[in-house]
Structures are given as structure tokens and as C-alpha cells.
């Protein structure tokens, strides 16, 4: 493993000392790079602290255990999870071929990852779209009720 560009950030040390001994049943391994973690034999989960954090994005973002994560499934069954909005950045690579649950892994990392300061959060569509811009358009429930009334009248 190679260390991330900002692996020497003191905040990464706070993360690394709190990494769990097991993740989703996999034992932690020793690594030879600063601010990294690995679990399984062969390693099925890799963690890197000190990556360049992503800025605002439209990528898939989920919240698990109070931690926001950008999820990259483009190389499945290798899944990349980036702790969103935290500095320094942190990423976790999970090899799902090894019967490891990415959701379990990131959930079990909560105690370590929450040590990193959070500057941004995932947002939902309702937080981005101003519903008032649609004027007096009927909502879905009202439209369904109207259809039901029309069918009953026929």
C-alpha cells in the first residue's frame, strides 16, 4: 500500500488509532504505509486517510451511522466509499467478491471516521429543488384522488 498525499495530517492519526480490530468478521492486518488500514487475508478491505477530499458532487451519496459517504460502484465488485465532506479525505475500498458487505464495513468504521472534521453533508433532492418554482401544480396525491373521482362518476 502507498500512503495518501496528506497521510501525515494529524487528524489521520486520530482515525488510525481508532480502527477496529475486525471489520465484518475480517481481522485487521499490519500495513507498511502511514495512515492506512487493511482487513482480511488476502486483504478485502483497504482504508486510506489523507486523500484529496471531493468537492460538491452529484455522485451517489449515502448516510450510514451519521457518516456521509460517496459510493463509487463503477468497478464492481470493488466498491469505493469516500467519507464525504471530511478533511483530510478518507476512502475505503471493499472487495465484495470476498463476501464482505460494504455497508457493514463503513458502519463499523464510524467511531474512527467521525474523528475527521465534517465540513459538508450529503443533500437530498428536496434540499436542492425549490418546490415553490412549480407554482400551484397539483401534487401526486391530489391527482390520484381526481382520477378516482372521475372513474367513480363513469
C-alpha atoms as a PDB file:
ATOM      1  CA  UNK A   1       0.000   0.000   0.000  1.00  0.00           C
ATOM      2  CA  UNK A   2       1.113   3.551  -0.658  1.00  0.00           C
ATOM      3  CA  UNK A   3       0.193   6.411   1.677  1.00  0.00           C
ATOM      4  CA  UNK A   4      -2.210   9.110   0.510  1.00  0.00           C
ATOM      5  CA  UNK A   5      -0.853  12.577  -0.257  1.00  0.00           C
ATOM      6  CA  UNK A   6      -1.864  14.027   3.158  1.00  0.00           C
ATOM      7  CA  UNK A   7      -1.316  10.871   5.229  1.00  0.00           C
ATOM      8  CA  UNK A   8       0.837  12.865   7.667  1.00  0.00           C
ATOM      9  CA  UNK A   9      -2.125  15.073   8.682  1.00  0.00           C
ATOM     10  CA  UNK A  10      -2.530  14.724  12.493  1.00  0.00           C
ATOM     11  CA  UNK A  11      -6.265  14.098  12.028  1.00  0.00           C
ATOM     12  CA  UNK A  12      -5.389  10.831  10.260  1.00  0.00           C
ATOM     13  CA  UNK A  13      -3.519   9.664  13.359  1.00  0.00           C
ATOM     14  CA  UNK A  14      -6.752  10.137  15.349  1.00  0.00           C
ATOM     15  CA  UNK A  15      -8.512   7.873  12.850  1.00  0.00           C
ATOM     16  CA  UNK A  16      -5.857   5.172  12.648  1.00  0.00           C
ATOM     17  CA  UNK A  17      -5.618   4.631  16.420  1.00  0.00           C
ATOM     18  CA  UNK A  18      -9.391   4.035  16.496  1.00  0.00           C
ATOM     19  CA  UNK A  19      -9.596   1.487  13.679  1.00  0.00           C
ATOM     20  CA  UNK A  20     -11.417  -1.670  14.781  1.00  0.00           C
ATOM     21  CA  UNK A  21      -9.589  -4.991  15.167  1.00  0.00           C
ATOM     22  CA  UNK A  22     -12.193  -6.632  12.915  1.00  0.00           C
ATOM     23  CA  UNK A  23     -14.473  -5.409  10.123  1.00  0.00           C
ATOM     24  CA  UNK A  24     -17.409  -7.552   9.019  1.00  0.00           C
ATOM     25  CA  UNK A  25     -15.630 -10.570  10.512  1.00  0.00           C
ATOM     26  CA  UNK A  26     -12.241  -9.844   8.895  1.00  0.00           C
ATOM     27  CA  UNK A  27      -9.144  -9.451  11.070  1.00  0.00           C
ATOM     28  CA  UNK A  28      -7.049  -6.291  10.810  1.00  0.00           C
ATOM     29  CA  UNK A  29      -3.638  -6.667   9.175  1.00  0.00           C
ATOM     30  CA  UNK A  30      -0.448  -4.694   9.581  1.00  0.00           C
ATOM     31  CA  UNK A  31       0.266  -2.216   6.797  1.00  0.00           C
ATOM     32  CA  UNK A  32       3.540  -0.623   5.747  1.00  0.00           C
ATOM     33  CA  UNK A  33       2.158   2.796   4.786  1.00  0.00           C
ATOM     34  CA  UNK A  34       1.227   5.703   7.035  1.00  0.00           C
ATOM     35  CA  UNK A  35      -2.479   6.331   7.684  1.00  0.00           C
ATOM     36  CA  UNK A  36      -3.704   3.108   6.092  1.00  0.00           C
ATOM     37  CA  UNK A  37      -5.624   0.074   7.267  1.00  0.00           C
ATOM     38  CA  UNK A  38      -6.333  -3.370   5.829  1.00  0.00           C
ATOM     39  CA  UNK A  39      -8.558  -6.274   6.847  1.00  0.00           C
ATOM     40  CA  UNK A  40      -8.743  -9.885   5.650  1.00  0.00           C
ATOM     41  CA  UNK A  41      -6.256 -12.417   4.311  1.00  0.00           C
ATOM     42  CA  UNK A  42      -5.928 -11.700   1.480  1.00  0.00           C
ATOM     43  CA  UNK A  43      -6.914  -8.086   2.160  1.00  0.00           C
ATOM     44  CA  UNK A  44     -10.557  -7.492   1.215  1.00  0.00           C
ATOM     45  CA  UNK A  45     -10.886  -4.029   2.781  1.00  0.00           C
ATOM     46  CA  UNK A  46      -8.370  -1.201   2.368  1.00  0.00           C
ATOM     47  CA  UNK A  47      -8.523   2.205   4.070  1.00  0.00           C
ATOM     48  CA  UNK A  48      -6.554   5.321   3.129  1.00  0.00           C
ATOM     49  CA  UNK A  49      -6.644   8.517   5.185  1.00  0.00           C
ATOM     50  CA  UNK A  50      -5.238  11.733   3.729  1.00  0.00           C
ATOM     51  CA  UNK A  51      -6.698  11.595   0.229  1.00  0.00           C
ATOM     52  CA  UNK A  52      -7.720  14.804  -1.511  1.00  0.00           C
ATOM     53  CA  UNK A  53     -11.380  15.222  -0.467  1.00  0.00           C
ATOM     54  CA  UNK A  54     -14.025  15.541  -3.169  1.00  0.00           C
ATOM     55  CA  UNK A  55     -15.840  18.817  -3.550  1.00  0.00           C
ATOM     56  CA  UNK A  56     -19.581  19.152  -4.129  1.00  0.00           C
ATOM     57  CA  UNK A  57     -20.732  16.317  -6.346  1.00  0.00           C
ATOM     58  CA  UNK A  58     -23.768  14.749  -7.961  1.00  0.00           C
ATOM     59  CA  UNK A  59     -22.332  11.278  -7.300  1.00  0.00           C
ATOM     60  CA  UNK A  60     -24.354   8.788  -5.248  1.00  0.00           C
ATOM     61  CA  UNK A  61     -24.108   9.842  -1.593  1.00  0.00           C
ATOM     62  CA  UNK A  62     -25.490   7.911   1.373  1.00  0.00           C
ATOM     63  CA  UNK A  63     -25.525   8.415   5.116  1.00  0.00           C
ATOM     64  CA  UNK A  64     -24.666   5.393   7.269  1.00  0.00           C
ATOM     65  CA  UNK A  65     -24.407   5.754  11.030  1.00  0.00           C
ATOM     66  CA  UNK A  66     -24.280   9.537  10.760  1.00  0.00           C
ATOM     67  CA  UNK A  67     -21.346   9.480   8.309  1.00  0.00           C
ATOM     68  CA  UNK A  68     -21.879  10.653   4.720  1.00  0.00           C
ATOM     69  CA  UNK A  69     -20.263   8.515   2.023  1.00  0.00           C
ATOM     70  CA  UNK A  70     -19.835   8.922  -1.735  1.00  0.00           C
ATOM     71  CA  UNK A  71     -20.299   5.470  -3.256  1.00  0.00           C
ATOM     72  CA  UNK A  72     -18.478   4.513  -6.461  1.00  0.00           C
ATOM     73  CA  UNK A  73     -19.756   1.250  -7.947  1.00  0.00           C
ATOM     74  CA  UNK A  74     -18.063   1.688 -11.342  1.00  0.00           C
ATOM     75  CA  UNK A  75     -15.505  -1.079 -10.682  1.00  0.00           C
ATOM     76  CA  UNK A  76     -17.856  -3.583  -9.016  1.00  0.00           C
ATOM     77  CA  UNK A  77     -17.260  -5.898  -7.269  1.00  0.00           C
ATOM     78  CA  UNK A  78     -14.638  -3.422  -5.982  1.00  0.00           C
ATOM     79  CA  UNK A  79     -16.573  -0.645  -4.279  1.00  0.00           C
ATOM     80  CA  UNK A  80     -15.045   2.679  -3.270  1.00  0.00           C
ATOM     81  CA  UNK A  81     -16.526   4.623  -0.369  1.00  0.00           C
ATOM     82  CA  UNK A  82     -15.286   8.152   0.329  1.00  0.00           C
ATOM     83  CA  UNK A  83     -16.168   9.852   3.600  1.00  0.00           C
ATOM     84  CA  UNK A  84     -17.875  12.922   2.121  1.00  0.00           C
ATOM     85  CA  UNK A  85     -17.287  16.415   3.440  1.00  0.00           C
ATOM     86  CA  UNK A  86     -14.430  15.458   5.762  1.00  0.00           C
ATOM     87  CA  UNK A  87     -10.900  16.831   5.789  1.00  0.00           C
ATOM     88  CA  UNK A  88      -8.487  15.228   5.335  1.00  0.00           C
ATOM     89  CA  UNK A  89     -10.240  12.871   2.957  1.00  0.00           C
ATOM     90  CA  UNK A  90     -10.667   9.181   3.665  1.00  0.00           C
ATOM     91  CA  UNK A  91     -11.525   6.314   1.339  1.00  0.00           C
ATOM     92  CA  UNK A  92     -12.348   2.667   1.835  1.00  0.00           C
ATOM     93  CA  UNK A  93     -12.071   0.042  -0.901  1.00  0.00           C
ATOM     94  CA  UNK A  94     -14.194  -3.088  -0.394  1.00  0.00           C
ATOM     95  CA  UNK A  95     -13.846  -6.255  -2.458  1.00  0.00           C
ATOM     96  CA  UNK A  96     -17.382  -7.668  -2.442  1.00  0.00           C
ATOM     97  CA  UNK A  97     -16.124 -10.839  -4.177  1.00  0.00           C
ATOM     98  CA  UNK A  98     -14.822 -11.867  -0.763  1.00  0.00           C
ATOM     99  CA  UNK A  99     -18.336 -11.915   0.758  1.00  0.00           C
ATOM    100  CA  UNK A 100     -17.796  -8.607   2.527  1.00  0.00           C
ATOM    101  CA  UNK A 101     -20.640  -6.122   2.977  1.00  0.00           C
ATOM    102  CA  UNK A 102     -19.653  -2.557   2.148  1.00  0.00           C
ATOM    103  CA  UNK A 103     -22.493  -1.268   4.318  1.00  0.00           C
ATOM    104  CA  UNK A 104     -21.287  -3.303   7.302  1.00  0.00           C
ATOM    105  CA  UNK A 105     -17.715  -2.125   6.767  1.00  0.00           C
ATOM    106  CA  UNK A 106     -18.496   1.596   6.635  1.00  0.00           C
ATOM    107  CA  UNK A 107     -20.921   1.257   9.535  1.00  0.00           C
ATOM    108  CA  UNK A 108     -18.245  -0.398  11.687  1.00  0.00           C
ATOM    109  CA  UNK A 109     -15.745   2.361  10.803  1.00  0.00           C
ATOM    110  CA  UNK A 110     -17.983   5.088  12.238  1.00  0.00           C
ATOM    111  CA  UNK A 111     -16.051   5.542  15.500  1.00  0.00           C
ATOM    112  CA  UNK A 112     -12.814   6.146  13.625  1.00  0.00           C
ATOM    113  CA  UNK A 113     -14.156   8.250  10.742  1.00  0.00           C
ATOM    114  CA  UNK A 114     -16.155  10.605  12.948  1.00  0.00           C
ATOM    115  CA  UNK A 115     -12.806  11.896  14.266  1.00  0.00           C
ATOM    116  CA  UNK A 116     -12.358  13.805  10.990  1.00  0.00           C
ATOM    117  CA  UNK A 117     -13.935  17.274  10.934  1.00  0.00           C
ATOM    118  CA  UNK A 118     -17.039  17.419   8.724  1.00  0.00           C
ATOM    119  CA  UNK A 119     -17.491  20.477   6.514  1.00  0.00           C
ATOM    120  CA  UNK A 120     -20.216  19.261   4.111  1.00  0.00           C
ATOM    121  CA  UNK A 121     -23.164  16.867   4.123  1.00  0.00           C
ATOM    122  CA  UNK A 122     -24.988  14.790   1.539  1.00  0.00           C
ATOM    123  CA  UNK A 123     -28.105  16.586   0.378  1.00  0.00           C
ATOM    124  CA  UNK A 124     -31.385  15.146  -0.832  1.00  0.00           C
ATOM    125  CA  UNK A 125     -33.255  16.216  -3.948  1.00  0.00           C
ATOM    126  CA  UNK A 126     -35.794  18.089  -1.805  1.00  0.00           C
ATOM    127  CA  UNK A 127     -32.965  20.177  -0.344  1.00  0.00           C
ATOM    128  CA  UNK A 128     -31.765  21.136  -3.812  1.00  0.00           C
ATOM    129  CA  UNK A 129     -35.050  21.740  -5.657  1.00  0.00           C
ATOM    130  CA  UNK A 130     -37.205  24.679  -4.653  1.00  0.00           C
ATOM    131  CA  UNK A 131     -40.711  23.205  -4.893  1.00  0.00           C
ATOM    132  CA  UNK A 132     -42.250  26.685  -4.994  1.00  0.00           C
ATOM    133  CA  UNK A 133     -40.916  27.073  -8.538  1.00  0.00           C
ATOM    134  CA  UNK A 134     -43.630  24.673  -9.684  1.00  0.00           C
ATOM    135  CA  UNK A 135     -46.400  27.085  -8.743  1.00  0.00           C
ATOM    136  CA  UNK A 136     -49.822  25.632  -7.974  1.00  0.00           C
ATOM    137  CA  UNK A 137     -49.296  22.346  -9.792  1.00  0.00           C
ATOM    138  CA  UNK A 138     -51.337  19.606  -8.127  1.00  0.00           C
ATOM    139  CA  UNK A 139     -49.411  17.185  -6.026  1.00  0.00           C
ATOM    140  CA  UNK A 140     -49.418  13.477  -6.802  1.00  0.00           C
ATOM    141  CA  UNK A 141     -51.991  12.605  -4.131  1.00  0.00           C
ATOM    142  CA  UNK A 142     -54.440  15.236  -5.392  1.00  0.00           C
ATOM    143  CA  UNK A 143     -54.017  13.969  -8.951  1.00  0.00           C
ATOM    144  CA  UNK A 144     -54.738  10.392  -7.852  1.00  0.00           C
ATOM    145  CA  UNK A 145     -57.821  11.491  -5.920  1.00  0.00           C
ATOM    146  CA  UNK A 146     -59.063  13.338  -9.005  1.00  0.00           C
ATOM    147  CA  UNK A 147     -58.651  10.237 -11.162  1.00  0.00           C
ATOM    148  CA  UNK A 148     -60.519   8.134  -8.616  1.00  0.00           C
ATOM    149  CA  UNK A 149     -63.419  10.616  -8.601  1.00  0.00           C
ATOM    150  CA  UNK A 150     -63.571  10.609 -12.422  1.00  0.00           C
ATOM    151  CA  UNK A 151     -63.636   6.803 -12.528  1.00  0.00           C
ATOM    152  CA  UNK A 152     -66.393   6.688  -9.892  1.00  0.00           C
ATOM    153  CA  UNK A 153     -68.504   9.148 -11.907  1.00  0.00           C
ATOM    154  CA  UNK A 154     -68.296   6.993 -15.059  1.00  0.00           C
END
